[in-house]
Amino acid sequence: MRIARTFALIVTCAVLPACGTAPRTGDQTSVRPLFDAMPYPSWRTLGAPPTFELRAADGAPVLVGRGPIPSNGFLASPREVGDFRLEVDVRLGSADNPLGDKMNSGIQIRSQEKDGTVAGLQVEVDPTKRAWSGGVYDERGRAWLAPLDGNDAARAAFRLGEWNRYEIECVGPRIRTRVNGVDCAEWYDGIVTGLLAFQVHGGPPCEVAFRAPMLTELGRHAWRPLADEPAASSGERVAWSHSLDAAARGVRLTVEGAGHVEVLAADGTRMGDVSFVAGESRAARSLEVLWLDRGGAVLLAGKKVGVLTLAQPPARIRLLGQACTARDAQLLARE
C-alpha cells in the first residue's frame, strides 16, 4: 500500500532535542527520533487503507493519519522492538471536528502482523466520556487488559483538541504508561517483543497526529526452555518446582487441572500464593508468573488471576495441588 508523503523523506530529526526524561528502568542506550531508528519509507500500511503523511510543523516531524475507513488501519514498523521507551505527542481532531471527541486511535506495542492487519497490545487514545486514554488493550485478542475505570486522575489527564504527551515504557514483562505526566496503566504480560504501529480507527471520520516520536531501545528479554529440577517435598503434592537466579523475570508453563502458585524468597518466605483452575476436562492452559522489581502478576491463558507484591526477587516458584500437572517450563530473562 502506498503511503502519502508530503515531507520528502523527511528531516533526519537529529537537530531536534530529545524529549522527556531518561527511562525509569533499564540501561539507557541512545534516545533517537523514531523515524531515524526506523526510516519512514520502510514502514507499511496494514488493515484498512488509511492515508498517512509525514510533514514538518515548527521544526518537528508530525505523522498524520486520516479516515474514514471501514475497519482499523495501521502504519506498522519494519521490525520488532524488545524493551523500549517511546515518547510522542498525540492529538485527535480535524477542521470539521477540532476536539476529536467522536474519534479514536491507539499506539500498538509488541504487536504482530496477522491476516493482513495488526494484532496485539495497544495503548489507547480515547477522547470519549469513558476517557481511558493510556489504558492497555489487546487488539484482535483479549480486549481490555488495563482499563482506567476507578482511576480518576488518569481519566482526567487527556486534553481534548490539544497535544498530549504519551510515555510508554516496556521492560521485560512490565508495561507502564503515562499521559501528560500522569501515571495511567501498569500491566505485566508474557509478550516481550513485537511491532510498533500507529492506528487510525475504523468507522466515522478520524484524524490523528503523532508529533516528534522519540525511541529509546533498552535491549530485550526472551523466553527459553527451563530444565527440570527435582521438587522438594512440602507436605502437599508439588506438581512443579524450580529455583531462580536474580536475573529471572518470569516463568511460563503449560498446566492442567487446579492448583496454586507459590512465590518464595531466598529464606523460604512465601511472598505470593495464587490459586488457579486451568479448566474443565483437564484442558491445558498457559500459566505465566511475571515480575519486575517489587511488582508482578500471574496470568492464566493471558488473563490476570493474581497480583504479586514482592519484598525481594523470587528465589523459587512452586506449583502445588493434587489435581495439577505442569510441563514445558520456560524462563524469561534478558538476552
C-alpha atoms as a PDB file:
ATOM      1  CA  MET A   1       0.000   0.000   0.000  1.00  0.00           C
ATOM      2  CA  ARG A   2       1.425   3.376  -0.922  1.00  0.00           C
ATOM      3  CA  ILE A   3       1.880   5.928   1.858  1.00  0.00           C
ATOM      4  CA  ALA A   4       1.288   9.574   1.058  1.00  0.00           C
ATOM      5  CA  ARG A   5       4.323  11.698   1.870  1.00  0.00           C
ATOM      6  CA  THR A   6       4.265  15.462   1.891  1.00  0.00           C
ATOM      7  CA  PHE A   7       7.609  15.812   3.650  1.00  0.00           C
ATOM      8  CA  ALA A   8      10.165  14.285   1.360  1.00  0.00           C
ATOM      9  CA  LEU A   9      11.940  11.527   3.128  1.00  0.00           C
ATOM     10  CA  ILE A  10      11.978  13.833   5.963  1.00  0.00           C
ATOM     11  CA  VAL A  11      14.300  15.735   8.107  1.00  0.00           C
ATOM     12  CA  THR A  12      16.604  13.434   9.981  1.00  0.00           C
ATOM     13  CA  CYS A  13      15.248  14.900  13.248  1.00  0.00           C
ATOM     14  CA  ALA A  14      18.783  14.771  14.611  1.00  0.00           C
ATOM     15  CA  VAL A  15      18.623  18.510  15.215  1.00  0.00           C
ATOM     16  CA  LEU A  16      15.619  18.091  17.487  1.00  0.00           C
ATOM     17  CA  PRO A  17      16.221  17.836  21.222  1.00  0.00           C
ATOM     18  CA  ALA A  18      15.396  14.522  22.891  1.00  0.00           C
ATOM     19  CA  CYS A  19      12.055  14.910  24.588  1.00  0.00           C
ATOM     20  CA  GLY A  20      11.249  13.843  28.133  1.00  0.00           C
ATOM     21  CA  THR A  21      13.375  12.290  30.803  1.00  0.00           C
ATOM     22  CA  ALA A  22      15.547   9.229  30.945  1.00  0.00           C
ATOM     23  CA  PRO A  23      13.907   5.788  31.219  1.00  0.00           C
ATOM     24  CA  ARG A  24      12.832   4.837  34.695  1.00  0.00           C
ATOM     25  CA  THR A  25      14.043   1.249  34.310  1.00  0.00           C
ATOM     26  CA  GLY A  26      16.865  -0.483  32.490  1.00  0.00           C
ATOM     27  CA  ASP A  27      20.124   0.630  30.982  1.00  0.00           C
ATOM     28  CA  GLN A  28      19.559   3.603  28.693  1.00  0.00           C
ATOM     29  CA  THR A  29      21.118   3.402  25.263  1.00  0.00           C
ATOM     30  CA  SER A  30      20.606   6.314  22.896  1.00  0.00           C
ATOM     31  CA  VAL A  31      17.390   8.278  22.552  1.00  0.00           C
ATOM     32  CA  ARG A  32      16.677   8.569  18.817  1.00  0.00           C
ATOM     33  CA  PRO A  33      13.923  10.080  16.693  1.00  0.00           C
ATOM     34  CA  LEU A  34      11.731   7.120  15.800  1.00  0.00           C
ATOM     35  CA  PHE A  35      11.981   7.736  12.056  1.00  0.00           C
ATOM     36  CA  ASP A  36      15.783   7.778  12.328  1.00  0.00           C
ATOM     37  CA  ALA A  37      15.820   4.445  14.161  1.00  0.00           C
ATOM     38  CA  MET A  38      13.415   3.019  11.563  1.00  0.00           C
ATOM     39  CA  PRO A  39      13.277   5.227   8.438  1.00  0.00           C
ATOM     40  CA  TYR A  40       9.793   6.281   7.414  1.00  0.00           C
ATOM     41  CA  PRO A  41       9.834   4.733   3.885  1.00  0.00           C
ATOM     42  CA  SER A  42      10.280   1.268   5.443  1.00  0.00           C
ATOM     43  CA  TRP A  43       7.024   1.471   7.429  1.00  0.00           C
ATOM     44  CA  ARG A  44       3.957  -0.305   5.994  1.00  0.00           C
ATOM     45  CA  THR A  45       0.203   0.256   5.992  1.00  0.00           C
ATOM     46  CA  LEU A  46      -1.817  -2.731   7.214  1.00  0.00           C
ATOM     47  CA  GLY A  47      -5.513  -3.309   7.708  1.00  0.00           C
ATOM     48  CA  ALA A  48      -7.997  -0.958   6.036  1.00  0.00           C
ATOM     49  CA  PRO A  49      -6.224   1.695   3.915  1.00  0.00           C
ATOM     50  CA  PRO A  50      -5.858   4.914   5.922  1.00  0.00           C
ATOM     51  CA  THR A  51      -3.912   7.838   4.495  1.00  0.00           C
ATOM     52  CA  PHE A  52      -0.685   8.692   6.307  1.00  0.00           C
ATOM     53  CA  GLU A  53       1.602  11.628   5.658  1.00  0.00           C
ATOM     54  CA  LEU A  54       4.748  12.768   7.392  1.00  0.00           C
ATOM     55  CA  ARG A  55       5.314  16.515   7.453  1.00  0.00           C
ATOM     56  CA  ALA A  56       7.143  19.179   9.416  1.00  0.00           C
ATOM     57  CA  ALA A  57       5.475  21.572  11.869  1.00  0.00           C
ATOM     58  CA  ASP A  58       7.549  24.103  13.823  1.00  0.00           C
ATOM     59  CA  GLY A  59      10.683  22.066  13.140  1.00  0.00           C
ATOM     60  CA  ALA A  60       9.235  18.785  14.392  1.00  0.00           C
ATOM     61  CA  PRO A  61       8.142  15.773  12.331  1.00  0.00           C
ATOM     62  CA  VAL A  62       4.394  15.118  12.536  1.00  0.00           C
ATOM     63  CA  LEU A  63       2.781  11.914  11.317  1.00  0.00           C
ATOM     64  CA  VAL A  64      -0.892  12.423  10.392  1.00  0.00           C
ATOM     65  CA  GLY A  65      -3.323   9.566   9.787  1.00  0.00           C
ATOM     66  CA  ARG A  66      -6.782  10.059   8.332  1.00  0.00           C
ATOM     67  CA  GLY A  67     -10.017   8.121   7.704  1.00  0.00           C
ATOM     68  CA  PRO A  68     -12.826   7.365   7.354  1.00  0.00           C
ATOM     69  CA  ILE A  69     -12.040   3.728   6.700  1.00  0.00           C
ATOM     70  CA  PRO A  70     -14.291   0.681   7.117  1.00  0.00           C
ATOM     71  CA  SER A  71     -12.121  -1.012   9.746  1.00  0.00           C
ATOM     72  CA  ASN A  72      -8.975  -0.251  11.709  1.00  0.00           C
ATOM     73  CA  GLY A  73      -5.852   0.667   9.738  1.00  0.00           C
ATOM     74  CA  PHE A  74      -2.238   0.945  10.851  1.00  0.00           C
ATOM     75  CA  LEU A  75       1.201   2.243   9.955  1.00  0.00           C
ATOM     76  CA  ALA A  76       3.457  -0.569  11.184  1.00  0.00           C
ATOM     77  CA  SER A  77       7.190  -0.602  11.921  1.00  0.00           C
ATOM     78  CA  PRO A  78       9.527  -2.604   9.677  1.00  0.00           C
ATOM     79  CA  ARG A  79      10.983  -4.601  12.568  1.00  0.00           C
ATOM     80  CA  GLU A  80      10.167  -5.735  16.065  1.00  0.00           C
ATOM     81  CA  VAL A  81      11.307  -3.955  19.227  1.00  0.00           C
ATOM     82  CA  GLY A  82      12.039  -5.579  22.586  1.00  0.00           C
ATOM     83  CA  ASP A  83      12.465  -3.363  25.667  1.00  0.00           C
ATOM     84  CA  PHE A  84      11.969   0.319  24.919  1.00  0.00           C
ATOM     85  CA  ARG A  85      10.686   3.695  25.942  1.00  0.00           C
ATOM     86  CA  LEU A  86       8.585   5.701  23.480  1.00  0.00           C
ATOM     87  CA  GLU A  87       7.641   9.348  23.924  1.00  0.00           C
ATOM     88  CA  VAL A  88       5.299  11.067  21.496  1.00  0.00           C
ATOM     89  CA  ASP A  89       2.769  13.900  21.447  1.00  0.00           C
ATOM     90  CA  VAL A  90      -0.694  12.851  20.257  1.00  0.00           C
ATOM     91  CA  ARG A  91      -3.637  14.965  19.112  1.00  0.00           C
ATOM     92  CA  LEU A  92      -7.032  13.958  17.765  1.00  0.00           C
ATOM     93  CA  GLY A  93      -9.121  16.395  15.725  1.00  0.00           C
ATOM     94  CA  SER A  94      -9.805  17.817  12.270  1.00  0.00           C
ATOM     95  CA  ALA A  95     -11.084  21.061  10.753  1.00  0.00           C
ATOM     96  CA  ASP A  96     -14.622  19.680  10.960  1.00  0.00           C
ATOM     97  CA  ASN A  97     -14.221  18.290  14.489  1.00  0.00           C
ATOM     98  CA  PRO A  98     -11.363  20.121  16.219  1.00  0.00           C
ATOM     99  CA  LEU A  99     -11.932  18.397  19.576  1.00  0.00           C
ATOM    100  CA  GLY A 100     -11.870  14.929  18.026  1.00  0.00           C
ATOM    101  CA  ASP A 101     -14.386  13.747  20.624  1.00  0.00           C
ATOM    102  CA  LYS A 102     -16.006  11.216  18.275  1.00  0.00           C
ATOM    103  CA  MET A 103     -12.687   9.772  17.108  1.00  0.00           C
ATOM    104  CA  ASN A 104     -10.436   7.014  18.409  1.00  0.00           C
ATOM    105  CA  SER A 105      -6.851   5.860  17.931  1.00  0.00           C
ATOM    106  CA  GLY A 106      -4.055   3.980  19.608  1.00  0.00           C
ATOM    107  CA  ILE A 107      -0.354   3.150  19.631  1.00  0.00           C
ATOM    108  CA  GLN A 108       0.397  -0.525  19.052  1.00  0.00           C
ATOM    109  CA  ILE A 109       3.257  -2.014  21.073  1.00  0.00           C
ATOM    110  CA  ARG A 110       4.668  -5.555  20.998  1.00  0.00           C
ATOM    111  CA  SER A 111       2.216  -6.416  18.218  1.00  0.00           C
ATOM    112  CA  GLN A 112       2.211  -8.795  15.242  1.00  0.00           C
ATOM    113  CA  GLU A 113       1.038  -8.774  11.658  1.00  0.00           C
ATOM    114  CA  LYS A 114      -1.965 -11.094  11.400  1.00  0.00           C
ATOM    115  CA  ASP A 115      -4.243 -11.714   8.413  1.00  0.00           C
ATOM    116  CA  GLY A 116      -3.069  -8.536   6.696  1.00  0.00           C
ATOM    117  CA  THR A 117      -3.656  -6.303   9.710  1.00  0.00           C
ATOM    118  CA  VAL A 118      -2.183  -5.735  13.192  1.00  0.00           C
ATOM    119  CA  ALA A 119      -2.960  -7.681  16.361  1.00  0.00           C
ATOM    120  CA  GLY A 120      -1.518  -7.236  19.823  1.00  0.00           C
ATOM    121  CA  LEU A 121      -1.050  -4.796  22.656  1.00  0.00           C
ATOM    122  CA  GLN A 122      -2.231  -1.207  22.241  1.00  0.00           C
ATOM    123  CA  VAL A 123      -2.038   1.949  24.333  1.00  0.00           C
ATOM    124  CA  GLU A 124      -5.402   3.648  23.922  1.00  0.00           C
ATOM    125  CA  VAL A 125      -6.169   7.156  22.641  1.00  0.00           C
ATOM    126  CA  ASP A 126      -9.753   7.707  23.802  1.00  0.00           C
ATOM    127  CA  PRO A 127     -11.363  11.182  23.764  1.00  0.00           C
ATOM    128  CA  THR A 128     -14.871   9.925  24.653  1.00  0.00           C
ATOM    129  CA  LYS A 129     -16.593  10.344  28.026  1.00  0.00           C
ATOM    130  CA  ARG A 130     -15.209   6.937  29.004  1.00  0.00           C
ATOM    131  CA  ALA A 131     -11.742   8.605  28.991  1.00  0.00           C
ATOM    132  CA  TRP A 132      -9.470   5.548  29.000  1.00  0.00           C
ATOM    133  CA  SER A 133      -6.544   7.217  27.206  1.00  0.00           C
ATOM    134  CA  GLY A 134      -3.374   5.476  28.369  1.00  0.00           C
ATOM    135  CA  GLY A 135      -5.134   2.195  29.114  1.00  0.00           C
ATOM    136  CA  VAL A 136      -3.826  -1.077  27.651  1.00  0.00           C
ATOM    137  CA  TYR A 137      -5.951  -3.028  25.154  1.00  0.00           C
ATOM    138  CA  ASP A 138      -5.285  -6.201  23.155  1.00  0.00           C
ATOM    139  CA  GLU A 139      -6.258  -5.563  19.519  1.00  0.00           C
ATOM    140  CA  ARG A 140      -7.900  -8.627  17.938  1.00  0.00           C
ATOM    141  CA  GLY A 141      -7.112 -10.577  21.092  1.00  0.00           C
ATOM    142  CA  ARG A 142      -8.034 -10.397  24.768  1.00  0.00           C
ATOM    143  CA  ALA A 143      -9.682  -6.925  24.532  1.00  0.00           C
ATOM    144  CA  TRP A 144      -9.213  -4.714  27.617  1.00  0.00           C
ATOM    145  CA  LEU A 145      -6.301  -5.674  29.857  1.00  0.00           C
ATOM    146  CA  ALA A 146      -5.726  -2.495  31.889  1.00  0.00           C
ATOM    147  CA  PRO A 147      -8.728  -0.157  31.621  1.00  0.00           C
ATOM    148  CA  LEU A 148      -8.845   3.038  33.668  1.00  0.00           C
ATOM    149  CA  ASP A 149     -12.149   2.607  35.493  1.00  0.00           C
ATOM    150  CA  GLY A 150     -11.662   3.852  39.052  1.00  0.00           C
ATOM    151  CA  ASN A 151      -8.516   5.840  38.153  1.00  0.00           C
ATOM    152  CA  ASP A 152      -9.927   9.370  38.121  1.00  0.00           C
ATOM    153  CA  ALA A 153      -6.548  11.108  37.814  1.00  0.00           C
ATOM    154  CA  ALA A 154      -5.615   9.085  34.720  1.00  0.00           C
ATOM    155  CA  ARG A 155      -9.056   9.575  33.141  1.00  0.00           C
ATOM    156  CA  ALA A 156      -8.693  13.347  33.526  1.00  0.00           C
ATOM    157  CA  ALA A 157      -5.184  13.517  32.023  1.00  0.00           C
ATOM    158  CA  PHE A 158      -6.063  13.578  28.297  1.00  0.00           C
ATOM    159  CA  ARG A 159      -6.968  17.038  26.916  1.00  0.00           C
ATOM    160  CA  LEU A 160      -9.412  17.277  24.002  1.00  0.00           C
ATOM    161  CA  GLY A 161      -8.171  19.103  20.916  1.00  0.00           C
ATOM    162  CA  GLU A 162      -4.657  19.572  22.354  1.00  0.00           C
ATOM    163  CA  TRP A 163      -1.294  17.860  22.156  1.00  0.00           C
ATOM    164  CA  ASN A 164      -0.983  15.131  24.775  1.00  0.00           C
ATOM    165  CA  ARG A 165       2.369  13.690  25.808  1.00  0.00           C
ATOM    166  CA  TYR A 166       2.392   9.879  25.847  1.00  0.00           C
ATOM    167  CA  GLU A 167       5.195   7.985  27.602  1.00  0.00           C
ATOM    168  CA  ILE A 168       5.239   4.222  27.145  1.00  0.00           C
ATOM    169  CA  GLU A 169       7.829   2.050  28.856  1.00  0.00           C
ATOM    170  CA  CYS A 170       8.144  -1.694  28.197  1.00  0.00           C
ATOM    171  CA  VAL A 171      10.850  -3.541  30.114  1.00  0.00           C
ATOM    172  CA  GLY A 172      10.731  -7.314  30.352  1.00  0.00           C
ATOM    173  CA  PRO A 173       7.173  -8.295  31.275  1.00  0.00           C
ATOM    174  CA  ARG A 174       6.135  -4.869  32.568  1.00  0.00           C
ATOM    175  CA  ILE A 175       4.326  -2.175  30.601  1.00  0.00           C
ATOM    176  CA  ARG A 176       3.823   1.303  32.067  1.00  0.00           C
ATOM    177  CA  THR A 177       2.035   4.251  30.517  1.00  0.00           C
ATOM    178  CA  ARG A 178       1.761   7.956  31.309  1.00  0.00           C
ATOM    179  CA  VAL A 179      -0.310  10.709  29.705  1.00  0.00           C
ATOM    180  CA  ASN A 180       0.695  14.336  30.322  1.00  0.00           C
ATOM    181  CA  GLY A 181       2.827  13.241  33.279  1.00  0.00           C
ATOM    182  CA  VAL A 182       0.069  11.232  34.976  1.00  0.00           C
ATOM    183  CA  ASP A 183       0.618   7.518  35.636  1.00  0.00           C
ATOM    184  CA  CYS A 184      -2.141   5.620  33.826  1.00  0.00           C
ATOM    185  CA  ALA A 185      -1.653   1.861  33.467  1.00  0.00           C
ATOM    186  CA  GLU A 186       0.678  -0.879  34.612  1.00  0.00           C
ATOM    187  CA  TRP A 187       0.353  -4.338  33.075  1.00  0.00           C
ATOM    188  CA  TYR A 188       2.511  -7.472  33.159  1.00  0.00           C
ATOM    189  CA  ASP A 189       2.473  -9.666  30.057  1.00  0.00           C
ATOM    190  CA  GLY A 190       4.330 -12.622  28.572  1.00  0.00           C
ATOM    191  CA  ILE A 191       4.591 -10.895  25.178  1.00  0.00           C
ATOM    192  CA  VAL A 192       8.004  -9.220  25.342  1.00  0.00           C
ATOM    193  CA  THR A 193       8.734  -8.208  21.754  1.00  0.00           C
ATOM    194  CA  GLY A 194       6.802  -7.071  18.681  1.00  0.00           C
ATOM    195  CA  LEU A 195       5.962  -4.354  16.204  1.00  0.00           C
ATOM    196  CA  LEU A 196       5.127  -0.735  16.868  1.00  0.00           C
ATOM    197  CA  ALA A 197       2.221   0.758  14.905  1.00  0.00           C
ATOM    198  CA  PHE A 198       0.048   3.870  14.774  1.00  0.00           C
ATOM    199  CA  GLN A 199      -3.704   3.344  14.407  1.00  0.00           C
ATOM    200  CA  VAL A 200      -6.461   5.133  12.538  1.00  0.00           C
ATOM    201  CA  HIS A 201      -9.707   3.723  13.894  1.00  0.00           C
ATOM    202  CA  GLY A 202     -12.354   2.429  11.540  1.00  0.00           C
ATOM    203  CA  GLY A 203     -15.837   3.922  11.336  1.00  0.00           C
ATOM    204  CA  PRO A 204     -16.571   7.689  11.500  1.00  0.00           C
ATOM    205  CA  PRO A 205     -14.102  10.251  10.099  1.00  0.00           C
ATOM    206  CA  CYS A 206     -10.889  10.225  12.099  1.00  0.00           C
ATOM    207  CA  GLU A 207      -7.756  12.360  12.042  1.00  0.00           C
ATOM    208  CA  VAL A 208      -4.899  11.746  14.443  1.00  0.00           C
ATOM    209  CA  ALA A 209      -1.452  13.351  14.608  1.00  0.00           C
ATOM    210  CA  PHE A 210       1.694  11.982  16.275  1.00  0.00           C
ATOM    211  CA  ARG A 211       4.415  14.597  16.837  1.00  0.00           C
ATOM    212  CA  ALA A 212       8.170  14.059  17.330  1.00  0.00           C
ATOM    213  CA  PRO A 213       8.174  10.392  18.383  1.00  0.00           C
ATOM    214  CA  MET A 214      11.378   9.511  20.253  1.00  0.00           C
ATOM    215  CA  LEU A 215      12.523   5.944  20.875  1.00  0.00           C
ATOM    216  CA  THR A 216      14.965   4.568  23.446  1.00  0.00           C
ATOM    217  CA  GLU A 217      15.774   0.880  22.916  1.00  0.00           C
ATOM    218  CA  LEU A 218      16.754  -0.916  26.108  1.00  0.00           C
ATOM    219  CA  GLY A 219      17.796  -4.376  24.946  1.00  0.00           C
ATOM    220  CA  ARG A 220      15.364  -7.255  25.109  1.00  0.00           C
ATOM    221  CA  HIS A 221      14.115 -10.184  27.141  1.00  0.00           C
ATOM    222  CA  ALA A 222      13.327 -13.639  25.750  1.00  0.00           C
ATOM    223  CA  TRP A 223      11.781 -16.924  26.823  1.00  0.00           C
ATOM    224  CA  ARG A 224      13.993 -20.000  26.867  1.00  0.00           C
ATOM    225  CA  PRO A 225      13.404 -23.641  27.919  1.00  0.00           C
ATOM    226  CA  LEU A 226      13.918 -24.386  31.583  1.00  0.00           C
ATOM    227  CA  ALA A 227      15.393 -27.763  32.532  1.00  0.00           C
ATOM    228  CA  ASP A 228      13.509 -29.910  35.030  1.00  0.00           C
ATOM    229  CA  GLU A 229      14.609 -29.807  38.654  1.00  0.00           C
ATOM    230  CA  PRO A 230      13.639 -32.223  41.427  1.00  0.00           C
ATOM    231  CA  ALA A 231      10.785 -30.864  43.534  1.00  0.00           C
ATOM    232  CA  ALA A 232      11.338 -30.805  47.287  1.00  0.00           C
ATOM    233  CA  SER A 233       8.558 -32.152  49.493  1.00  0.00           C
ATOM    234  CA  SER A 234       6.255 -29.626  51.146  1.00  0.00           C
ATOM    235  CA  GLY A 235       3.670 -31.831  52.834  1.00  0.00           C
ATOM    236  CA  GLU A 236       1.454 -31.148  49.812  1.00  0.00           C
ATOM    237  CA  ARG A 237       1.799 -32.591  46.319  1.00  0.00           C
ATOM    238  CA  VAL A 238       4.290 -30.460  44.360  1.00  0.00           C
ATOM    239  CA  ALA A 239       3.433 -30.511  40.643  1.00  0.00           C
ATOM    240  CA  TRP A 240       6.480 -28.447  39.692  1.00  0.00           C
ATOM    241  CA  SER A 241       9.240 -26.506  41.433  1.00  0.00           C
ATOM    242  CA  HIS A 242      12.343 -24.635  40.316  1.00  0.00           C
ATOM    243  CA  SER A 243      14.962 -22.365  41.824  1.00  0.00           C
ATOM    244  CA  LEU A 244      15.594 -18.965  40.202  1.00  0.00           C
ATOM    245  CA  ASP A 245      18.514 -16.592  39.950  1.00  0.00           C
ATOM    246  CA  ALA A 246      18.222 -12.820  40.319  1.00  0.00           C
ATOM    247  CA  ALA A 247      18.133 -12.288  36.538  1.00  0.00           C
ATOM    248  CA  ALA A 248      14.830 -14.174  36.102  1.00  0.00           C
ATOM    249  CA  ARG A 249      11.752 -12.110  35.231  1.00  0.00           C
ATOM    250  CA  GLY A 250       9.155 -14.796  34.685  1.00  0.00           C
ATOM    251  CA  VAL A 251       8.191 -18.461  34.417  1.00  0.00           C
ATOM    252  CA  ARG A 252       5.786 -19.963  31.865  1.00  0.00           C
ATOM    253  CA  LEU A 253       4.284 -23.455  31.986  1.00  0.00           C
ATOM    254  CA  THR A 254       1.528 -25.466  30.373  1.00  0.00           C
ATOM    255  CA  VAL A 255      -0.765 -26.550  33.215  1.00  0.00           C
ATOM    256  CA  GLU A 256      -3.779 -28.804  33.594  1.00  0.00           C
ATOM    257  CA  GLY A 257      -6.243 -29.062  36.438  1.00  0.00           C
ATOM    258  CA  ALA A 258      -6.382 -26.851  39.518  1.00  0.00           C
ATOM    259  CA  GLY A 259      -3.710 -25.762  41.947  1.00  0.00           C
ATOM    260  CA  HIS A 260      -1.876 -22.761  43.285  1.00  0.00           C
ATOM    261  CA  VAL A 261       1.387 -20.940  42.623  1.00  0.00           C
ATOM    262  CA  GLU A 262       3.760 -20.159  45.459  1.00  0.00           C
ATOM    263  CA  VAL A 263       6.421 -17.476  45.054  1.00  0.00           C
ATOM    264  CA  LEU A 264       9.209 -17.916  47.610  1.00  0.00           C
ATOM    265  CA  ALA A 265      12.050 -15.697  48.816  1.00  0.00           C
ATOM    266  CA  ALA A 266      15.594 -16.990  49.334  1.00  0.00           C
ATOM    267  CA  ASP A 267      14.873 -17.761  53.016  1.00  0.00           C
ATOM    268  CA  GLY A 268      11.718 -19.680  52.101  1.00  0.00           C
ATOM    269  CA  THR A 269       9.320 -16.892  52.991  1.00  0.00           C
ATOM    270  CA  ARG A 270       6.170 -17.078  50.893  1.00  0.00           C
ATOM    271  CA  MET A 271       5.712 -13.762  49.046  1.00  0.00           C
ATOM    272  CA  GLY A 272       2.769 -14.804  46.909  1.00  0.00           C
ATOM    273  CA  ASP A 273       0.151 -17.567  46.713  1.00  0.00           C
ATOM    274  CA  VAL A 274      -2.258 -17.503  43.757  1.00  0.00           C
ATOM    275  CA  SER A 275      -4.877 -20.163  43.033  1.00  0.00           C
ATOM    276  CA  PHE A 276      -5.859 -21.166  39.510  1.00  0.00           C
ATOM    277  CA  VAL A 277      -8.214 -23.538  37.696  1.00  0.00           C
ATOM    278  CA  ALA A 278      -6.973 -24.398  34.219  1.00  0.00           C
ATOM    279  CA  GLY A 279     -10.392 -25.561  33.018  1.00  0.00           C
ATOM    280  CA  GLU A 280     -12.765 -28.474  32.733  1.00  0.00           C
ATOM    281  CA  SER A 281     -11.815 -31.866  31.276  1.00  0.00           C
ATOM    282  CA  ARG A 282      -8.186 -31.219  32.197  1.00  0.00           C
ATOM    283  CA  ALA A 283      -7.822 -28.646  29.456  1.00  0.00           C
ATOM    284  CA  ALA A 284      -4.242 -27.376  29.068  1.00  0.00           C
ATOM    285  CA  ARG A 285      -3.633 -23.675  29.628  1.00  0.00           C
ATOM    286  CA  SER A 286      -0.608 -21.381  29.660  1.00  0.00           C
ATOM    287  CA  LEU A 287       0.299 -20.179  33.156  1.00  0.00           C
ATOM    288  CA  GLU A 288       2.700 -17.215  33.412  1.00  0.00           C
ATOM    289  CA  VAL A 289       4.255 -15.880  36.609  1.00  0.00           C
ATOM    290  CA  LEU A 290       5.758 -12.467  35.784  1.00  0.00           C
ATOM    291  CA  TRP A 291       7.606  -9.886  37.840  1.00  0.00           C
ATOM    292  CA  LEU A 292       9.970  -6.919  37.773  1.00  0.00           C
ATOM    293  CA  ASP A 293      11.309  -5.026  40.784  1.00  0.00           C
ATOM    294  CA  ARG A 294       8.642  -5.242  43.513  1.00  0.00           C
ATOM    295  CA  GLY A 295       5.579  -5.975  41.412  1.00  0.00           C
ATOM    296  CA  GLY A 296       4.197  -8.719  39.234  1.00  0.00           C
ATOM    297  CA  ALA A 297       1.208 -10.778  38.182  1.00  0.00           C
ATOM    298  CA  VAL A 298       0.036 -14.302  37.456  1.00  0.00           C
ATOM    299  CA  LEU A 299      -1.740 -14.846  34.121  1.00  0.00           C
ATOM    300  CA  LEU A 300      -3.768 -17.890  33.089  1.00  0.00           C
ATOM    301  CA  ALA A 301      -4.369 -18.064  29.319  1.00  0.00           C
ATOM    302  CA  GLY A 302      -3.388 -14.382  29.217  1.00  0.00           C
ATOM    303  CA  LYS A 303      -5.908 -13.268  31.855  1.00  0.00           C
ATOM    304  CA  LYS A 304      -4.775 -11.931  35.207  1.00  0.00           C
ATOM    305  CA  VAL A 305      -5.662 -14.224  38.095  1.00  0.00           C
ATOM    306  CA  GLY A 306      -3.427 -12.681  40.738  1.00  0.00           C
ATOM    307  CA  VAL A 307      -1.169  -9.748  41.645  1.00  0.00           C
ATOM    308  CA  LEU A 308       2.292 -10.066  43.214  1.00  0.00           C
ATOM    309  CA  THR A 309       3.864  -7.656  45.686  1.00  0.00           C
ATOM    310  CA  LEU A 310       7.479  -8.654  46.279  1.00  0.00           C
ATOM    311  CA  ALA A 311       9.876  -7.664  49.032  1.00  0.00           C
ATOM    312  CA  GLN A 312      12.786  -9.161  47.065  1.00  0.00           C
ATOM    313  CA  PRO A 313      13.371 -11.066  43.819  1.00  0.00           C
ATOM    314  CA  PRO A 314      11.796 -14.551  43.844  1.00  0.00           C
ATOM    315  CA  ALA A 315      14.205 -17.415  44.560  1.00  0.00           C
ATOM    316  CA  ARG A 316      11.807 -20.292  43.830  1.00  0.00           C
ATOM    317  CA  ILE A 317       8.471 -20.894  42.140  1.00  0.00           C
ATOM    318  CA  ARG A 318       6.302 -23.890  43.099  1.00  0.00           C
ATOM    319  CA  LEU A 319       3.041 -25.263  41.718  1.00  0.00           C
ATOM    320  CA  LEU A 320       1.103 -27.299  44.236  1.00  0.00           C
ATOM    321  CA  GLY A 321      -2.119 -29.289  44.140  1.00  0.00           C
ATOM    322  CA  GLN A 322      -3.343 -32.866  43.904  1.00  0.00           C
ATOM    323  CA  ALA A 323      -5.192 -32.099  40.639  1.00  0.00           C
ATOM    324  CA  CYS A 324      -2.417 -30.128  38.932  1.00  0.00           C
ATOM    325  CA  THR A 325       0.145 -31.141  36.314  1.00  0.00           C
ATOM    326  CA  ALA A 326       2.738 -28.949  34.612  1.00  0.00           C
ATOM    327  CA  ARG A 327       5.068 -29.276  31.614  1.00  0.00           C
ATOM    328  CA  ASP A 328       7.032 -27.274  29.019  1.00  0.00           C
ATOM    329  CA  ALA A 329       8.602 -24.872  31.518  1.00  0.00           C
ATOM    330  CA  GLN A 330      10.219 -21.698  30.188  1.00  0.00           C
ATOM    331  CA  LEU A 331      12.179 -18.917  31.873  1.00  0.00           C
ATOM    332  CA  LEU A 332      12.064 -15.209  30.983  1.00  0.00           C
ATOM    333  CA  ALA A 333      15.361 -13.326  31.260  1.00  0.00           C
ATOM    334  CA  ARG A 334      17.325 -10.625  29.454  1.00  0.00           C
ATOM    335  CA  GLU A 335      19.053 -11.824  26.299  1.00  0.00           C
END
